[in-house]
Protein backbone atom coordinates (compact mmCIF):
# COMPACT_ATOMS: atom_id res chain seq x y z
CA MET A 1 18.24 116.43 87.84
CA ASN A 2 19.44 112.90 88.49
CA GLN A 3 22.90 112.65 90.00
CA THR A 4 24.10 110.19 87.36
CA SER A 5 23.45 112.80 84.68
CA LEU A 6 26.31 114.74 86.28
CA LEU A 7 28.62 111.79 85.69
CA LEU A 8 27.43 111.64 82.10
CA GLU A 9 28.21 115.34 81.65
CA ARG A 10 31.74 114.80 83.00
CA ALA A 11 32.24 111.88 80.64
CA LEU A 12 31.08 113.90 77.64
CA LYS A 13 33.54 116.67 78.50
CA LYS A 14 36.34 114.11 78.10
CA LYS A 15 35.13 112.32 74.95
CA ASN A 16 32.18 112.42 72.61
CA ALA A 17 29.39 109.85 72.81
CA ALA A 18 30.67 107.85 69.82
CA ALA A 19 34.11 107.47 71.45
CA TRP A 20 32.53 106.24 74.70
CA CYS A 21 30.39 103.76 72.80
CA ARG A 22 33.45 102.32 71.09
CA GLU A 23 35.48 102.20 74.29
CA LEU A 24 32.71 100.57 76.35
CA ASN A 25 31.54 98.37 73.48
CA ILE A 26 27.94 99.56 73.75
CA SER A 27 25.50 100.66 71.09
CA ARG A 28 24.89 104.30 70.35
CA SER A 29 21.24 103.79 71.21
CA THR A 30 22.20 102.68 74.73
CA PHE A 31 24.17 105.86 75.24
CA SER A 32 21.62 108.15 73.59
CA MET A 33 18.81 106.65 75.67
CA ALA A 34 20.79 107.36 78.85
CA LYS A 35 21.31 110.95 77.68
CA LYS A 36 17.62 111.31 76.82
CA LYS A 37 16.48 109.94 80.18
CA GLY A 38 19.16 111.88 82.05
CA GLN A 39 19.85 108.71 84.01
CA LEU A 40 22.48 105.99 83.76
CA SER A 41 22.06 102.32 84.46
CA PRO A 42 24.16 101.04 87.37
CA ALA A 43 26.43 99.17 84.93
CA LEU A 44 27.01 102.18 82.69
CA ALA A 45 27.51 104.46 85.69
CA GLY A 46 30.08 102.07 87.14
CA CYS A 47 32.00 101.76 83.89
CA LEU A 48 32.09 105.50 83.26
CA ALA A 49 33.14 106.14 86.86
CA MET A 50 36.05 103.70 86.56
CA LYS A 51 37.19 105.27 83.29
CA LEU A 52 37.00 108.74 84.85
CA GLY A 53 38.87 107.70 88.00
CA GLU A 54 35.80 108.14 90.22
CA ASP A 55 34.44 105.86 92.93
CA ARG A 56 32.69 103.08 91.01
CA ASN A 57 30.67 101.81 93.99
CA HIS A 58 29.33 105.27 94.79
CA TRP A 59 28.05 105.80 91.25
CA ILE A 60 26.60 102.29 90.97
CA ALA A 61 24.70 102.85 94.20
CA LEU A 62 23.43 106.25 93.04
CA ALA A 63 22.26 104.78 89.74
CA ALA A 64 20.47 101.95 91.53
CA ILE A 65 18.71 104.36 93.88
CA GLU A 66 17.64 106.53 90.94
CA THR A 67 15.74 103.59 89.45
CA GLU A 68 13.51 103.36 92.54
CA ARG A 69 10.06 104.92 92.59
CA GLU A 70 9.76 108.29 94.25
CA GLY A 71 9.04 108.04 97.94
CA PRO A 72 10.45 108.55 101.41
CA LEU A 73 12.76 105.53 101.35
CA LYS A 74 14.34 106.58 98.07
CA GLU A 75 14.85 110.10 99.38
CA GLN A 76 16.40 108.84 102.64
CA MET A 77 18.84 106.59 100.80
CA LEU A 78 19.73 109.27 98.27
CA GLN A 79 20.42 111.81 100.99
CA ALA A 80 22.49 109.31 102.97
CA LEU A 81 24.55 108.44 99.93
CA LEU A 82 25.09 112.07 98.91
CA HIS A 83 26.23 112.99 102.41
CA THR A 84 28.79 110.17 102.51
CA LYS A 85 30.29 110.90 99.08
CA PRO A 86 34.02 110.14 99.18
């Protein structure tokens, strides 16, 4: 499971997808695609994090790392970021 899907779950506990789409001024397809993939773009992760009072930079970095191909560098960066979570 991608880490940003956890942020998405938290967001959906606060408001439904339609409410987030209106608040963030994004299309429903953008939000539904993120749900389907189980992964947020760095921009969407940052916006949701800010709205939820979470560390925006942490979630943007996680989302960016999740877009990388699987491999040792991705794993090293992901582990480093997860171990320095504020």
